[in-house]
Amino acid sequence: MSEILEKLFHSKAEVKLLRLFLNNSEGYTVSEAAKRSKINITAARKEINNLVKIKFLTHRKKANKTYYCANQSFVFYEELKKLIFKASPTSADKLASLAMRLGQIRFVLISGVFLNSEKGKIDILIVGEHINRSKLKSFLSNVEAEVGKGINYVCMSTDEFRYRKGMFDKFVINIFESPHKILIDRMKKDI
């Protein structure tokens, strides 16, 4: 679905910036928006200028810097927000593939932002052993750039997950009661 948006709009950078500004009410400078979206500053400046021209973005000066934010009075604001959020920011297959590189992954569940739901307390649950923290940080940073906002995540060892699930831990039960999708399940008999 994300590929459709990239073709409907004229660039991947524009889609990333739209997600960023629609997901966050605070303002960003061009360099902050580029960094958060993981696009080069030249592309960010060009796309932000285009979005200002059509009045999707407003800007204000503060301490000699220009901050941009979404104009909620934009004529197509709600429609654009629905369209952008209806298209999943990243495919489940891509997420699963990237998650498998983090360590010995046994279970991955997505919720929240990945399912366009605000009901979940987390966006991604990762269960496994020997999870590389620097790879995890990079994974989250890349996913946040695609999604346009911070990701709420939980990492647990297999033993901790089994224990908490077996004890009917409220937090874990809440994850399963919220809308979710299981991407990787190498412990089906335990869940």
N, C-alpha and C. Protein backbone atom coordinates (compact mmCIF):
# COMPACT_ATOMS: atom_id res chain seq x y z
N MET A 1 0.82 -1.21 0.00
CA MET A 1 0.00 0.00 0.00
C MET A 1 0.85 1.26 0.00
N SER A 2 1.99 1.22 0.70
CA SER A 2 2.86 2.38 0.77
C SER A 2 3.37 2.76 -0.62
N GLU A 3 3.60 1.75 -1.48
CA GLU A 3 4.08 2.02 -2.83
C GLU A 3 3.04 2.80 -3.64
N ILE A 4 1.76 2.54 -3.39
CA ILE A 4 0.69 3.27 -4.07
C ILE A 4 0.78 4.75 -3.74
N LEU A 5 0.99 5.05 -2.45
CA LEU A 5 1.11 6.45 -2.04
C LEU A 5 2.31 7.11 -2.70
N GLU A 6 3.41 6.39 -2.79
CA GLU A 6 4.61 6.95 -3.40
C GLU A 6 4.37 7.28 -4.87
N LYS A 7 3.51 6.52 -5.53
CA LYS A 7 3.19 6.80 -6.93
C LYS A 7 2.13 7.88 -7.03
N LEU A 8 1.18 7.89 -6.09
CA LEU A 8 0.13 8.91 -6.08
C LEU A 8 0.74 10.28 -5.81
N PHE A 9 1.61 10.32 -4.83
CA PHE A 9 2.35 11.54 -4.56
C PHE A 9 3.63 11.44 -5.37
N HIS A 10 4.39 12.49 -5.50
CA HIS A 10 5.50 12.43 -6.44
C HIS A 10 6.81 11.92 -5.87
N SER A 11 6.87 11.65 -4.57
CA SER A 11 8.13 11.10 -4.05
C SER A 11 7.93 10.41 -2.70
N LYS A 12 8.86 9.50 -2.42
CA LYS A 12 8.86 8.83 -1.12
C LYS A 12 9.12 9.84 -0.01
N ALA A 13 9.97 10.83 -0.29
CA ALA A 13 10.27 11.87 0.70
C ALA A 13 9.00 12.63 1.10
N GLU A 14 8.16 12.94 0.11
CA GLU A 14 6.93 13.66 0.41
C GLU A 14 6.01 12.83 1.31
N VAL A 15 5.90 11.53 1.04
CA VAL A 15 5.05 10.65 1.85
C VAL A 15 5.59 10.59 3.29
N LYS A 16 6.91 10.48 3.42
CA LYS A 16 7.51 10.43 4.76
C LYS A 16 7.24 11.72 5.52
N LEU A 17 7.36 12.85 4.84
CA LEU A 17 7.12 14.14 5.50
C LEU A 17 5.64 14.31 5.86
N LEU A 18 4.76 13.88 4.98
CA LEU A 18 3.33 13.95 5.29
C LEU A 18 3.03 13.14 6.55
N ARG A 19 3.58 11.93 6.63
CA ARG A 19 3.37 11.10 7.83
C ARG A 19 3.92 11.79 9.08
N LEU A 20 5.11 12.35 8.96
CA LEU A 20 5.74 13.03 10.09
C LEU A 20 4.86 14.16 10.59
N PHE A 21 4.44 15.04 9.70
CA PHE A 21 3.66 16.21 10.11
C PHE A 21 2.24 15.84 10.54
N LEU A 22 1.65 14.81 9.95
CA LEU A 22 0.30 14.40 10.35
C LEU A 22 0.32 13.65 11.68
N ASN A 23 1.43 13.01 12.01
CA ASN A 23 1.54 12.25 13.25
C ASN A 23 1.97 13.08 14.45
N ASN A 24 2.50 14.26 14.21
CA ASN A 24 3.07 15.06 15.29
C ASN A 24 2.58 16.49 15.21
N SER A 25 2.14 17.01 16.33
CA SER A 25 1.62 18.38 16.34
C SER A 25 2.70 19.42 16.53
N GLU A 26 3.87 19.00 17.06
CA GLU A 26 4.93 19.98 17.26
C GLU A 26 5.58 20.34 15.93
N GLY A 27 6.22 21.48 15.90
CA GLY A 27 6.87 21.94 14.68
C GLY A 27 8.28 21.42 14.56
N TYR A 28 8.77 21.36 13.31
CA TYR A 28 10.13 20.90 13.03
C TYR A 28 10.81 21.87 12.08
N THR A 29 12.10 22.05 12.28
CA THR A 29 12.88 22.77 11.29
C THR A 29 13.09 21.81 10.12
N VAL A 30 13.59 22.36 9.01
CA VAL A 30 13.85 21.50 7.85
C VAL A 30 14.85 20.41 8.21
N SER A 31 15.91 20.77 8.93
CA SER A 31 16.92 19.76 9.27
C SER A 31 16.37 18.72 10.24
N GLU A 32 15.53 19.12 11.19
CA GLU A 32 14.91 18.15 12.11
C GLU A 32 13.98 17.21 11.36
N ALA A 33 13.19 17.76 10.45
CA ALA A 33 12.27 16.92 9.66
C ALA A 33 13.05 15.94 8.78
N ALA A 34 14.14 16.40 8.20
CA ALA A 34 14.97 15.51 7.36
C ALA A 34 15.56 14.39 8.20
N LYS A 35 16.08 14.75 9.37
CA LYS A 35 16.70 13.75 10.23
C LYS A 35 15.67 12.73 10.72
N ARG A 36 14.53 13.20 11.18
CA ARG A 36 13.50 12.28 11.70
C ARG A 36 12.95 11.38 10.60
N SER A 37 12.87 11.89 9.38
CA SER A 37 12.32 11.13 8.26
C SER A 37 13.37 10.33 7.51
N LYS A 38 14.64 10.55 7.87
CA LYS A 38 15.76 9.89 7.21
C LYS A 38 15.76 10.14 5.70
N ILE A 39 15.64 11.41 5.36
CA ILE A 39 15.78 11.83 3.96
C ILE A 39 16.83 12.94 3.93
N ASN A 40 17.40 13.18 2.76
CA ASN A 40 18.44 14.22 2.72
C ASN A 40 17.79 15.60 2.83
N ILE A 41 18.57 16.53 3.32
CA ILE A 41 18.05 17.86 3.65
C ILE A 41 17.58 18.62 2.40
N THR A 42 18.21 18.37 1.26
CA THR A 42 17.79 19.04 0.03
C THR A 42 16.39 18.59 -0.37
N ALA A 43 16.15 17.29 -0.31
CA ALA A 43 14.81 16.76 -0.63
C ALA A 43 13.78 17.28 0.38
N ALA A 44 14.17 17.30 1.65
CA ALA A 44 13.24 17.79 2.69
C ALA A 44 12.88 19.25 2.44
N ARG A 45 13.87 20.07 2.14
CA ARG A 45 13.62 21.50 1.89
C ARG A 45 12.67 21.68 0.71
N LYS A 46 12.93 20.93 -0.37
CA LYS A 46 12.09 21.03 -1.58
C LYS A 46 10.64 20.62 -1.27
N GLU A 47 10.47 19.49 -0.60
CA GLU A 47 9.12 19.00 -0.30
C GLU A 47 8.39 19.92 0.69
N ILE A 48 9.11 20.40 1.69
CA ILE A 48 8.49 21.31 2.66
C ILE A 48 8.06 22.60 1.98
N ASN A 49 8.89 23.13 1.08
CA ASN A 49 8.49 24.33 0.34
C ASN A 49 7.23 24.09 -0.49
N ASN A 50 7.15 22.91 -1.13
CA ASN A 50 5.95 22.58 -1.90
C ASN A 50 4.72 22.48 -0.99
N LEU A 51 4.89 21.88 0.19
CA LEU A 51 3.77 21.73 1.13
C LEU A 51 3.35 23.07 1.73
N VAL A 52 4.28 24.00 1.85
CA VAL A 52 3.94 25.36 2.31
C VAL A 52 3.15 26.09 1.22
N LYS A 53 3.59 25.92 -0.05
CA LYS A 53 2.91 26.59 -1.17
C LYS A 53 1.44 26.21 -1.27
N ILE A 54 1.13 24.94 -0.98
CA ILE A 54 -0.28 24.53 -1.07
C ILE A 54 -1.02 24.73 0.25
N LYS A 55 -0.31 25.32 1.23
CA LYS A 55 -0.86 25.66 2.55
C LYS A 55 -1.16 24.44 3.43
N PHE A 56 -0.51 23.30 3.13
CA PHE A 56 -0.61 22.15 4.03
C PHE A 56 0.22 22.39 5.28
N LEU A 57 1.36 23.05 5.11
CA LEU A 57 2.20 23.38 6.26
C LEU A 57 2.15 24.87 6.53
N THR A 58 2.20 25.19 7.81
CA THR A 58 2.36 26.57 8.24
C THR A 58 3.76 26.67 8.85
N HIS A 59 4.22 27.88 9.01
CA HIS A 59 5.54 28.05 9.62
C HIS A 59 5.53 29.24 10.55
N ARG A 60 6.45 29.17 11.51
CA ARG A 60 6.63 30.27 12.46
C ARG A 60 8.11 30.37 12.79
N LYS A 61 8.52 31.57 13.11
CA LYS A 61 9.92 31.79 13.48
C LYS A 61 10.03 31.81 14.99
N LYS A 62 11.09 31.18 15.48
CA LYS A 62 11.36 31.17 16.91
C LYS A 62 12.87 31.05 17.08
N ALA A 63 13.45 31.98 17.80
CA ALA A 63 14.89 31.98 18.06
C ALA A 63 15.70 31.83 16.77
N ASN A 64 15.34 32.63 15.76
CA ASN A 64 16.05 32.65 14.48
C ASN A 64 15.95 31.35 13.69
N LYS A 65 15.00 30.50 14.02
CA LYS A 65 14.77 29.25 13.27
C LYS A 65 13.34 29.24 12.79
N THR A 66 13.11 28.58 11.66
CA THR A 66 11.76 28.44 11.12
C THR A 66 11.26 27.03 11.41
N TYR A 67 10.11 26.97 12.06
CA TYR A 67 9.49 25.69 12.40
C TYR A 67 8.23 25.50 11.57
N TYR A 68 8.07 24.29 11.05
CA TYR A 68 6.93 23.96 10.20
C TYR A 68 6.03 22.95 10.92
N CYS A 69 4.73 23.10 10.74
CA CYS A 69 3.79 22.11 11.27
C CYS A 69 2.57 22.04 10.37
N ALA A 70 1.82 20.95 10.50
CA ALA A 70 0.64 20.74 9.66
C ALA A 70 -0.42 21.78 9.96
N ASN A 71 -1.04 22.27 8.93
CA ASN A 71 -2.13 23.23 9.03
C ASN A 71 -3.43 22.44 9.14
N GLN A 72 -3.98 22.36 10.33
CA GLN A 72 -5.20 21.57 10.53
C GLN A 72 -6.41 22.18 9.85
N SER A 73 -6.28 23.41 9.36
CA SER A 73 -7.36 24.05 8.60
C SER A 73 -7.22 23.82 7.10
N PHE A 74 -6.18 23.09 6.71
CA PHE A 74 -5.97 22.77 5.30
C PHE A 74 -7.23 22.10 4.76
N VAL A 75 -7.65 22.50 3.58
CA VAL A 75 -8.94 22.08 3.02
C VAL A 75 -9.11 20.55 2.95
N PHE A 76 -8.03 19.81 2.71
CA PHE A 76 -8.12 18.36 2.63
C PHE A 76 -7.41 17.67 3.79
N TYR A 77 -7.27 18.35 4.91
CA TYR A 77 -6.50 17.81 6.04
C TYR A 77 -7.02 16.44 6.49
N GLU A 78 -8.29 16.34 6.81
CA GLU A 78 -8.85 15.07 7.32
C GLU A 78 -8.79 13.97 6.28
N GLU A 79 -9.09 14.30 5.03
CA GLU A 79 -9.04 13.30 3.97
C GLU A 79 -7.62 12.80 3.74
N LEU A 80 -6.68 13.73 3.76
CA LEU A 80 -5.27 13.37 3.58
C LEU A 80 -4.78 12.50 4.74
N LYS A 81 -5.19 12.86 5.93
CA LYS A 81 -4.81 12.09 7.11
C LYS A 81 -5.34 10.66 7.01
N LYS A 82 -6.59 10.51 6.61
CA LYS A 82 -7.18 9.17 6.45
C LYS A 82 -6.45 8.38 5.37
N LEU A 83 -6.14 9.02 4.27
CA LEU A 83 -5.46 8.36 3.17
C LEU A 83 -4.06 7.90 3.58
N ILE A 84 -3.32 8.78 4.19
CA ILE A 84 -1.95 8.47 4.62
C ILE A 84 -1.95 7.34 5.64
N PHE A 85 -2.88 7.38 6.60
CA PHE A 85 -2.89 6.37 7.66
C PHE A 85 -3.50 5.06 7.21
N LYS A 86 -4.32 5.10 6.17
CA LYS A 86 -4.91 3.85 5.68
C LYS A 86 -3.83 2.97 5.05
N ALA A 87 -2.88 3.60 4.41
CA ALA A 87 -1.76 2.85 3.80
C ALA A 87 -0.77 2.52 4.90
N SER A 88 -0.54 1.26 5.11
CA SER A 88 0.40 0.82 6.13
C SER A 88 1.77 1.42 5.83
N PRO A 89 2.43 1.99 6.86
CA PRO A 89 3.71 2.64 6.62
C PRO A 89 4.81 1.70 6.15
N THR A 90 4.74 0.46 6.52
CA THR A 90 5.73 -0.52 6.09
C THR A 90 5.06 -1.89 6.10
N SER A 91 5.44 -2.73 5.19
CA SER A 91 4.77 -4.03 5.08
C SER A 91 5.13 -4.95 6.24
N ALA A 92 4.22 -5.82 6.58
CA ALA A 92 4.44 -6.79 7.65
C ALA A 92 5.61 -7.71 7.31
N ASP A 93 5.72 -8.10 6.04
CA ASP A 93 6.83 -8.96 5.62
C ASP A 93 8.17 -8.27 5.82
N LYS A 94 8.23 -6.99 5.48
CA LYS A 94 9.47 -6.23 5.64
C LYS A 94 9.83 -6.11 7.11
N LEU A 95 8.83 -5.82 7.95
CA LEU A 95 9.07 -5.72 9.40
C LEU A 95 9.58 -7.04 9.96
N ALA A 96 8.94 -8.13 9.57
CA ALA A 96 9.36 -9.45 10.06
C ALA A 96 10.78 -9.76 9.62
N SER A 97 11.09 -9.48 8.38
CA SER A 97 12.43 -9.74 7.86
C SER A 97 13.48 -8.93 8.61
N LEU A 98 13.20 -7.66 8.85
CA LEU A 98 14.14 -6.81 9.58
C LEU A 98 14.28 -7.25 11.03
N ALA A 99 13.18 -7.65 11.64
CA ALA A 99 13.21 -8.09 13.05
C ALA A 99 14.04 -9.36 13.21
N MET A 100 14.00 -10.24 12.23
CA MET A 100 14.75 -11.49 12.31
C MET A 100 16.25 -11.27 12.40
N ARG A 101 16.71 -10.12 11.97
CA ARG A 101 18.15 -9.80 12.00
C ARG A 101 18.62 -9.31 13.36
N LEU A 102 17.72 -9.16 14.30
CA LEU A 102 18.07 -8.58 15.60
C LEU A 102 18.71 -9.58 16.56
N GLY A 103 18.49 -10.85 16.34
CA GLY A 103 19.00 -11.89 17.25
C GLY A 103 18.24 -13.18 16.99
N GLN A 104 18.12 -14.01 18.03
CA GLN A 104 17.35 -15.25 17.92
C GLN A 104 15.89 -14.93 18.25
N ILE A 105 15.17 -14.49 17.27
CA ILE A 105 13.81 -14.00 17.46
C ILE A 105 12.83 -15.17 17.46
N ARG A 106 11.97 -15.20 18.48
CA ARG A 106 10.98 -16.28 18.62
C ARG A 106 9.57 -15.81 18.33
N PHE A 107 9.32 -14.49 18.57
CA PHE A 107 7.94 -14.01 18.45
C PHE A 107 7.96 -12.50 18.20
N VAL A 108 7.16 -12.05 17.23
CA VAL A 108 7.01 -10.61 16.97
C VAL A 108 5.53 -10.33 16.74
N LEU A 109 5.03 -9.33 17.44
CA LEU A 109 3.64 -8.92 17.34
C LEU A 109 3.62 -7.43 17.08
N ILE A 110 2.75 -6.99 16.17
CA ILE A 110 2.58 -5.56 15.93
C ILE A 110 1.18 -5.14 16.34
N SER A 111 1.06 -3.90 16.69
CA SER A 111 -0.21 -3.33 17.14
C SER A 111 -0.14 -1.83 16.89
N GLY A 112 -1.03 -1.09 17.50
CA GLY A 112 -0.97 0.37 17.48
C GLY A 112 -0.82 0.98 16.11
N VAL A 113 0.25 1.73 15.93
CA VAL A 113 0.47 2.51 14.71
C VAL A 113 0.49 1.64 13.46
N PHE A 114 0.95 0.41 13.57
CA PHE A 114 1.03 -0.46 12.39
C PHE A 114 -0.33 -0.95 11.93
N LEU A 115 -1.31 -0.89 12.81
CA LEU A 115 -2.67 -1.31 12.46
C LEU A 115 -3.63 -0.12 12.45
N ASN A 116 -3.05 1.08 12.45
CA ASN A 116 -3.84 2.32 12.48
C ASN A 116 -4.84 2.31 13.63
N SER A 117 -4.35 1.87 14.78
CA SER A 117 -5.18 1.79 15.98
C SER A 117 -4.50 2.53 17.11
N GLU A 118 -5.28 3.24 17.88
CA GLU A 118 -4.73 3.93 19.04
C GLU A 118 -5.04 3.17 20.33
N LYS A 119 -5.63 2.00 20.20
CA LYS A 119 -6.03 1.23 21.38
C LYS A 119 -4.86 0.51 22.04
N GLY A 120 -3.88 0.10 21.29
CA GLY A 120 -2.76 -0.65 21.85
C GLY A 120 -1.81 0.22 22.64
N LYS A 121 -1.24 -0.35 23.70
CA LYS A 121 -0.25 0.37 24.50
C LYS A 121 1.12 0.32 23.86
N ILE A 122 1.33 -0.65 22.99
CA ILE A 122 2.61 -0.77 22.31
C ILE A 122 2.37 -0.89 20.81
N ASP A 123 3.44 -0.67 20.05
CA ASP A 123 3.37 -0.83 18.61
C ASP A 123 4.01 -2.13 18.15
N ILE A 124 5.04 -2.57 18.88
CA ILE A 124 5.71 -3.82 18.51
C ILE A 124 6.26 -4.51 19.75
N LEU A 125 6.04 -5.83 19.80
CA LEU A 125 6.57 -6.68 20.86
C LEU A 125 7.54 -7.65 20.20
N ILE A 126 8.76 -7.69 20.73
CA ILE A 126 9.79 -8.58 20.20
C ILE A 126 10.24 -9.51 21.32
N VAL A 127 10.17 -10.81 21.06
CA VAL A 127 10.58 -11.81 22.04
C VAL A 127 11.69 -12.64 21.45
N GLY A 128 12.77 -12.79 22.20
CA GLY A 128 13.87 -13.60 21.71
C GLY A 128 15.09 -13.51 22.60
N GLU A 129 16.15 -14.12 22.14
CA GLU A 129 17.41 -14.16 22.87
C GLU A 129 18.49 -13.46 22.07
N HIS A 130 19.51 -13.00 22.78
CA HIS A 130 20.70 -12.39 22.17
C HIS A 130 20.33 -11.27 21.20
N ILE A 131 19.39 -10.42 21.62
CA ILE A 131 18.97 -9.30 20.78
C ILE A 131 20.07 -8.24 20.83
N ASN A 132 20.59 -7.90 19.68
CA ASN A 132 21.66 -6.92 19.55
C ASN A 132 21.06 -5.52 19.72
N ARG A 133 21.47 -4.84 20.79
CA ARG A 133 20.88 -3.52 21.12
C ARG A 133 21.17 -2.46 20.07
N SER A 134 22.36 -2.48 19.47
CA SER A 134 22.65 -1.47 18.45
C SER A 134 21.82 -1.73 17.18
N LYS A 135 21.63 -3.01 16.83
CA LYS A 135 20.77 -3.33 15.69
C LYS A 135 19.32 -2.97 16.00
N LEU A 136 18.89 -3.19 17.26
CA LEU A 136 17.54 -2.83 17.67
C LEU A 136 17.33 -1.33 17.55
N LYS A 137 18.30 -0.56 18.01
CA LYS A 137 18.20 0.90 17.94
C LYS A 137 18.10 1.36 16.48
N SER A 138 18.92 0.78 15.61
CA SER A 138 18.89 1.12 14.19
C SER A 138 17.56 0.71 13.56
N PHE A 139 17.07 -0.48 13.89
CA PHE A 139 15.78 -0.98 13.40
C PHE A 139 14.66 -0.01 13.78
N LEU A 140 14.62 0.38 15.06
CA LEU A 140 13.57 1.29 15.53
C LEU A 140 13.67 2.65 14.85
N SER A 141 14.89 3.14 14.69
CA SER A 141 15.10 4.43 14.04
C SER A 141 14.60 4.40 12.60
N ASN A 142 14.88 3.34 11.88
CA ASN A 142 14.42 3.22 10.50
C ASN A 142 12.91 3.10 10.42
N VAL A 143 12.32 2.32 11.31
CA VAL A 143 10.86 2.16 11.31
C VAL A 143 10.18 3.48 11.69
N GLU A 144 10.74 4.18 12.67
CA GLU A 144 10.17 5.47 13.07
C GLU A 144 10.21 6.46 11.91
N ALA A 145 11.25 6.43 11.11
CA ALA A 145 11.35 7.30 9.94
C ALA A 145 10.25 6.99 8.93
N GLU A 146 9.95 5.70 8.76
CA GLU A 146 8.88 5.29 7.84
C GLU A 146 7.51 5.69 8.37
N VAL A 147 7.30 5.48 9.66
CA VAL A 147 6.00 5.71 10.29
C VAL A 147 5.74 7.18 10.52
N GLY A 148 6.79 7.92 10.83
CA GLY A 148 6.62 9.35 11.08
C GLY A 148 6.41 9.69 12.53
N LYS A 149 6.63 8.75 13.42
CA LYS A 149 6.51 9.02 14.86
C LYS A 149 7.26 7.96 15.65
N GLY A 150 7.45 8.24 16.92
CA GLY A 150 8.14 7.30 17.80
C GLY A 150 7.36 6.01 17.94
N ILE A 151 8.09 4.91 18.06
CA ILE A 151 7.49 3.59 18.19
C ILE A 151 7.57 3.16 19.65
N ASN A 152 6.45 2.74 20.20
CA ASN A 152 6.45 2.14 21.54
C ASN A 152 6.72 0.65 21.37
N TYR A 153 7.80 0.19 21.97
CA TYR A 153 8.19 -1.20 21.78
C TYR A 153 8.51 -1.85 23.12
N VAL A 154 8.44 -3.17 23.12
CA VAL A 154 8.84 -3.96 24.28
C VAL A 154 9.66 -5.13 23.75
N CYS A 155 10.80 -5.36 24.40
CA CYS A 155 11.65 -6.51 24.11
C CYS A 155 11.68 -7.38 25.34
N MET A 156 11.48 -8.67 25.17
CA MET A 156 11.52 -9.61 26.29
C MET A 156 12.28 -10.86 25.88
N SER A 157 12.86 -11.50 26.87
CA SER A 157 13.45 -12.81 26.61
C SER A 157 12.29 -13.81 26.51
N THR A 158 12.56 -14.95 25.95
CA THR A 158 11.54 -15.98 25.81
C THR A 158 11.03 -16.41 27.18
N ASP A 159 11.95 -16.61 28.13
CA ASP A 159 11.56 -17.02 29.48
C ASP A 159 10.69 -15.98 30.17
N GLU A 160 11.06 -14.70 30.05
CA GLU A 160 10.26 -13.64 30.67
C GLU A 160 8.86 -13.60 30.06
N PHE A 161 8.80 -13.72 28.74
CA PHE A 161 7.51 -13.69 28.07
C PHE A 161 6.63 -14.86 28.51
N ARG A 162 7.19 -16.05 28.54
CA ARG A 162 6.42 -17.23 28.99
C ARG A 162 5.93 -17.04 30.42
N TYR A 163 6.83 -16.57 31.29
CA TYR A 163 6.48 -16.36 32.70
C TYR A 163 5.34 -15.34 32.83
N ARG A 164 5.49 -14.21 32.18
CA ARG A 164 4.48 -13.16 32.29
C ARG A 164 3.15 -13.59 31.68
N LYS A 165 3.21 -14.32 30.59
CA LYS A 165 1.98 -14.83 29.95
C LYS A 165 1.31 -15.86 30.87
N GLY A 166 2.13 -16.75 31.45
CA GLY A 166 1.61 -17.78 32.35
C GLY A 166 1.03 -17.23 33.63
N MET A 167 1.53 -16.07 34.09
CA MET A 167 1.05 -15.43 35.31
C MET A 167 -0.11 -14.48 35.03
N PHE A 168 -0.57 -14.46 33.78
CA PHE A 168 -1.65 -13.55 33.36
C PHE A 168 -1.31 -12.10 33.69
N ASP A 169 -0.05 -11.75 33.40
CA ASP A 169 0.42 -10.39 33.59
C ASP A 169 -0.50 -9.43 32.84
N LYS A 170 -0.98 -8.42 33.54
CA LYS A 170 -1.95 -7.49 32.97
C LYS A 170 -1.44 -6.81 31.69
N PHE A 171 -0.18 -6.42 31.70
CA PHE A 171 0.40 -5.76 30.53
C PHE A 171 0.39 -6.68 29.31
N VAL A 172 0.83 -7.91 29.49
CA VAL A 172 0.88 -8.87 28.38
C VAL A 172 -0.53 -9.22 27.91
N ILE A 173 -1.44 -9.43 28.84
CA ILE A 173 -2.83 -9.74 28.47
C ILE A 173 -3.43 -8.58 27.67
N ASN A 174 -3.15 -7.34 28.09
CA ASN A 174 -3.65 -6.17 27.39
C ASN A 174 -3.16 -6.13 25.95
N ILE A 175 -1.92 -6.54 25.72
CA ILE A 175 -1.37 -6.57 24.36
C ILE A 175 -2.21 -7.49 23.48
N PHE A 176 -2.57 -8.66 24.01
CA PHE A 176 -3.34 -9.63 23.23
C PHE A 176 -4.81 -9.27 23.12
N GLU A 177 -5.31 -8.44 24.03
CA GLU A 177 -6.71 -8.01 23.95
C GLU A 177 -6.89 -6.82 23.01
N SER A 178 -5.82 -6.12 22.73
CA SER A 178 -5.86 -4.99 21.80
C SER A 178 -5.75 -5.53 20.38
N PRO A 179 -6.19 -4.75 19.38
CA PRO A 179 -5.99 -5.20 18.00
C PRO A 179 -4.51 -5.45 17.76
N HIS A 180 -4.18 -6.60 17.17
CA HIS A 180 -2.78 -6.95 16.94
C HIS A 180 -2.67 -7.92 15.78
N LYS A 181 -1.44 -8.08 15.32
CA LYS A 181 -1.14 -9.05 14.27
C LYS A 181 0.19 -9.70 14.62
N ILE A 182 0.22 -11.02 14.58
CA ILE A 182 1.45 -11.75 14.88
C ILE A 182 2.22 -11.93 13.57
N LEU A 183 3.48 -11.44 13.57
CA LEU A 183 4.31 -11.54 12.38
C LEU A 183 5.20 -12.77 12.39
N ILE A 184 5.73 -13.10 13.56
CA ILE A 184 6.60 -14.27 13.71
C ILE A 184 6.14 -15.02 14.93
N ASP A 185 5.97 -16.33 14.79
CA ASP A 185 5.57 -17.15 15.93
C ASP A 185 6.28 -18.48 15.86
N ARG A 186 7.36 -18.56 16.59
CA ARG A 186 8.12 -19.81 16.67
C ARG A 186 7.91 -20.47 18.01
N MET A 187 6.85 -20.11 18.70
CA MET A 187 6.54 -20.71 19.99
C MET A 187 5.03 -20.88 20.15
N LYS A 188 4.35 -21.28 19.10
CA LYS A 188 2.90 -21.39 19.07
C LYS A 188 2.32 -22.19 20.24
N LYS A 189 2.96 -23.24 20.62
CA LYS A 189 2.40 -24.07 21.70
C LYS A 189 2.38 -23.33 23.03
N ASP A 190 3.21 -22.27 23.16
CA ASP A 190 3.30 -21.54 24.43
C ASP A 190 2.30 -20.40 24.53
N ILE A 191 1.69 -20.01 23.43
CA ILE A 191 0.85 -18.82 23.44
C ILE A 191 -0.61 -19.15 23.32
